[in-house]
Protein backbone atom coordinates (compact mmCIF):
# COMPACT_ATOMS: atom_id res chain seq x y z
CA MET A 1 174.46 137.17 64.86
CA ASN A 2 171.57 136.26 67.13
CA TYR A 3 172.29 132.59 66.55
CA PHE A 4 175.92 132.89 67.65
CA SER A 5 175.00 135.19 70.54
CA ILE A 6 172.76 132.46 71.92
CA LEU A 7 175.47 129.82 71.48
CA ARG A 8 178.12 131.96 73.19
CA GLU A 9 177.42 130.58 76.69
CA ALA A 10 176.35 127.07 75.62
CA GLU A 11 178.53 124.15 76.66
CA ASN A 12 178.80 120.43 76.06
CA LEU A 13 182.01 119.48 77.85
CA SER A 14 181.60 115.73 77.40
CA GLY A 15 182.04 114.44 80.93
CA ARG A 16 184.39 117.08 82.34
CA SER A 17 183.32 118.07 85.85
CA CYS A 18 184.38 121.59 86.80
CA GLY A 19 181.06 122.90 88.02
CA SER A 20 178.58 124.96 86.08
CA VAL A 21 179.98 126.55 82.90
CA GLY A 22 178.05 129.35 81.24
CA GLN A 23 174.43 128.39 80.68
CA ALA A 24 175.19 124.68 80.16
CA HIS A 25 172.70 123.07 77.71
CA ILE A 26 170.02 125.74 78.18
CA PRO A 27 170.77 127.62 74.91
CA PHE A 28 170.73 124.54 72.65
CA PRO A 29 166.93 124.17 72.21
CA ILE A 30 166.74 127.87 71.32
CA SER A 31 169.61 127.77 68.83
CA TYR A 32 168.27 124.53 67.31
CA ASN A 33 165.06 126.38 66.43
CA PHE A 34 167.12 128.71 64.23
CA LEU A 35 167.42 125.77 61.83
CA SER A 36 164.88 125.32 59.05
CA LYS A 37 162.38 122.47 59.26
CA ASP A 38 164.10 120.61 56.43
CA TYR A 39 167.47 120.97 58.12
CA GLN A 40 166.04 119.70 61.42
CA ASN A 41 164.69 116.65 59.58
CA LYS A 42 168.26 115.89 58.43
CA LEU A 43 169.98 116.77 61.72
CA SER A 44 168.35 115.47 64.89
CA TYR A 45 168.51 117.49 68.10
CA GLU A 46 170.74 114.83 69.70
CA ASP A 47 173.20 114.97 66.78
CA TYR A 48 173.09 118.75 66.89
CA ILE A 49 174.15 118.83 70.55
CA GLN A 50 176.83 116.21 69.86
CA SER A 51 178.35 118.52 67.24
CA PHE A 52 179.35 120.77 70.18
CA ALA A 53 181.10 118.01 72.13
CA GLY A 54 184.03 119.36 74.13
CA ILE A 55 183.06 123.00 73.62
CA GLY A 56 182.51 125.23 76.64
CA HIS A 57 182.40 128.69 75.06
CA THR A 58 181.94 130.10 71.54
CA SER A 59 182.91 133.56 70.26
CA LEU A 60 181.98 134.84 66.82
CA ILE A 61 185.00 136.65 65.35
CA LYS A 62 184.10 137.04 61.65
CA LEU A 63 180.75 137.22 59.84
CA CYS A 64 180.21 138.48 56.31
CA ARG A 65 177.63 137.89 53.61
CA VAL A 66 179.20 136.43 50.47
CA PRO A 67 178.09 136.91 46.84
CA ASN A 68 176.06 134.14 45.30
CA ARG A 69 175.23 133.65 41.61
CA LYS A 70 171.86 132.08 42.46
CA GLY A 71 170.81 135.02 44.63
CA GLU A 72 170.79 132.84 47.76
CA VAL A 73 171.48 134.29 51.21
CA ARG A 74 174.87 132.92 52.24
CA PHE A 75 177.33 133.99 54.95
CA PHE A 76 180.95 133.24 55.81
CA TYR A 77 181.74 132.90 59.52
CA GLU A 78 184.69 132.20 61.79
CA ILE A 79 184.48 131.30 65.48
CA GLU A 80 186.85 130.88 68.40
CA THR A 81 185.99 128.20 70.96
CA ILE A 82 187.27 127.21 74.39
CA GLU A 83 187.41 123.44 74.57
CA GLY A 84 188.03 120.88 77.26
CA PHE A 85 188.03 117.09 77.02
CA GLU A 86 187.82 114.27 79.52
CA GLY A 87 191.27 113.21 80.70
CA LYS A 88 192.79 116.62 79.91
CA ARG A 89 193.36 119.09 82.74
CA ALA A 90 193.90 122.12 80.49
CA GLU A 91 191.49 123.86 78.14
CA TYR A 92 192.32 124.80 74.56
CA PHE A 93 191.35 127.43 72.04
CA GLY A 94 189.94 126.10 68.79
CA TYR A 95 189.20 127.96 65.56
CA TYR A 96 186.64 126.99 62.95
CA PHE A 97 185.20 128.54 59.81
CA GLY A 98 182.43 127.72 57.39
CA PHE A 99 179.41 128.93 55.47
CA ILE A 100 175.79 129.40 56.50
CA GLN A 101 172.92 129.17 54.04
CA LEU A 102 169.61 130.85 54.91
CA VAL A 103 166.09 130.19 53.66
CA TYR A 104 162.94 132.21 54.29
CA GLU A 105 160.14 130.39 56.10
CA LYS A 106 156.77 131.67 57.26
CA ASN A 107 158.06 133.44 60.36
CA GLY A 108 161.45 134.64 59.07
CA TYR A 109 164.85 133.43 57.92
CA ARG A 110 166.17 130.10 59.14
CA ILE A 111 169.48 128.26 58.64
CA SER A 112 169.09 125.70 55.85
CA ASN A 113 172.69 124.48 55.86
CA LEU A 114 175.82 125.07 57.95
CA SER A 115 179.35 123.83 57.28
CA LYS A 116 182.11 123.80 59.90
CA MET A 117 185.82 123.20 59.24
CA GLU A 118 188.72 123.12 61.68
CA GLU A 119 191.68 125.46 61.24
CA ASP A 120 195.19 124.03 61.22
CA PHE A 121 197.86 126.04 63.05
CA LEU A 122 200.82 123.69 62.55
CA CYS A 123 200.85 122.58 58.92
CA ALA A 124 199.13 125.60 57.33
CA PRO A 125 201.83 128.22 58.11
CA TYR A 126 204.57 125.99 56.69
CA HIS A 127 202.82 124.77 53.56
CA GLY A 128 203.10 126.31 50.11
CA TRP A 129 201.16 128.45 47.72
CA SER A 130 197.66 127.01 48.32
CA HIS A 131 197.36 128.97 51.61
CA ASP A 132 198.25 132.35 50.07
CA GLY A 133 195.73 134.29 47.97
CA GLU A 134 198.26 136.00 45.71
CA ALA A 135 200.04 132.72 44.99
CA VAL A 136 196.71 130.98 44.31
CA VAL A 137 195.80 133.64 41.73
CA GLU A 138 199.25 133.54 40.09
CA ILE A 139 199.36 129.73 39.81
CA LYS A 140 195.73 128.76 39.18
CA TYR A 141 194.65 131.65 36.97
CA GLY A 142 198.08 132.63 35.63
CA GLU A 143 200.05 129.42 35.06
CA TRP A 144 197.14 127.00 34.70
CA CYS A 145 194.60 129.16 32.87
CA LYS A 146 197.04 131.56 31.11
CA LEU A 147 194.68 134.37 31.99
CA ILE A 148 196.88 137.01 33.69
CA GLN A 149 198.54 139.75 31.65
CA LYS A 150 199.21 142.15 34.56
CA ARG A 151 198.47 141.80 38.27
CA TYR A 152 197.84 144.92 40.35
CA PRO A 153 198.72 145.51 44.04
CA THR A 154 196.45 143.68 46.47
CA ILE A 155 193.93 145.80 48.38
CA THR A 156 193.48 144.56 51.96
CA ASN A 157 190.78 145.72 54.40
CA ARG A 158 191.04 143.89 57.73
CA TYR A 159 190.55 140.20 56.80
CA VAL A 160 189.35 140.86 53.22
CA LYS A 161 191.80 140.66 50.31
CA ASN A 162 190.85 141.96 46.85
CA ILE A 163 193.31 140.75 44.21
CA TYR A 164 192.98 142.46 40.82
CA PHE A 165 194.52 141.68 37.45
CA TYR A 166 194.12 142.57 33.78
CA GLY A 167 193.43 139.50 31.69
CA ASN A 168 194.80 138.34 28.37
CA ASP A 169 191.20 138.44 27.11
CA GLY A 170 191.00 142.22 27.66
CA ALA A 171 188.85 142.00 30.79
CA ASP A 172 189.52 143.08 34.38
CA TYR A 173 189.28 140.52 37.17
CA CYS A 174 188.87 140.73 40.93
CA PHE A 175 189.29 137.75 43.25
CA VAL A 176 188.10 138.09 46.85
CA PHE A 177 189.77 136.14 49.66
CA PHE A 178 189.10 136.09 53.41
CA THR A 179 192.11 135.57 55.71
CA LEU A 180 191.55 133.16 58.61
CA THR A 181 193.11 133.55 62.05
CA ASN A 182 195.74 130.93 61.14
CA GLY A 183 196.81 133.04 58.13
CA THR A 184 195.20 130.92 55.41
CA ASP A 185 193.41 132.78 52.59
CA ILE A 186 190.04 131.32 51.55
CA GLU A 187 188.74 132.17 48.07
CA ILE A 188 185.27 133.66 48.38
CA ALA A 189 184.27 135.16 45.03
CA GLN A 190 185.40 135.95 41.48
CA PHE A 191 184.37 139.02 39.48
CA ARG A 192 184.96 140.05 35.85
CA LYS A 193 184.21 143.19 33.88
CA VAL A 194 184.88 144.44 30.37
CA ALA A 195 185.65 148.15 29.82
CA ASN A 196 183.08 150.27 31.68
CA GLU A 197 180.63 147.48 32.38
CA ASN A 198 179.63 146.58 35.93
CA TRP A 199 181.44 143.79 37.75
CA LYS A 200 179.82 140.39 37.10
CA LEU A 201 180.09 137.41 39.43
CA ILE A 202 181.73 134.45 37.68
CA ASN A 203 182.82 130.93 38.60
CA ILE A 204 186.04 129.74 36.97
CA LYS A 205 187.06 126.23 38.06
CA PRO A 206 190.79 125.93 37.20
CA GLU A 207 191.13 122.30 38.29
CA GLU A 208 188.27 121.26 35.99
CA GLU A 209 188.57 123.74 33.14
CA CYS A 210 192.24 124.73 32.80
CA LEU A 211 194.11 121.62 33.96
CA THR A 212 191.79 119.37 31.92
CA ASP A 213 192.33 121.53 28.81
CA ASN A 214 196.11 121.53 29.32
CA LYS A 215 196.17 117.75 29.71
CA THR A 216 194.05 117.27 26.59
CA ARG A 217 196.34 119.55 24.52
CA SER A 218 199.47 117.74 25.72
CA GLN A 219 198.01 114.42 24.65
């Protein structure tokens, strides 16, 4: 949260001249030092600033730690930006999401990796099942993996969707999705439990495991 708070007033408007915006480039050296030493060796300061080209303001709108089988510290985030580009008189809102990996160094946690993906507001709302969590579970884990015996009502809390079902193997399953601003559901985690056991984090890969098995059987 400190990292995004520093970046809030940072701008790199790529040649647009509308006077001083926010704190200009002043926050960038501070935010760059939130990166781990290894990450800085891979991403130069110049390339880091360039990754903000066209951005004049950044607002953090979602931040949540996500489960990790390796015990690593990993967060999901979503941001809203105000962007302006040379040759364009109007500014635009942009939305991005991604994951942040943290590593502990001598003086505290630092960012060891950060992904950033643009959100699509034209194609995504009109496309099919891959943008909807319930449909993803029904098709990937039901039709492809033949795993679902009974699906229960989805439990939604703000942008978090928990989709539960009882499996043909006698186990209970919970799939966690986060809903982006554009309405797309992103799969975050998978859990499985048998009887009264605790939920265990799992990692089923339908494209690799189920589709490959189906293709092999058909041959």
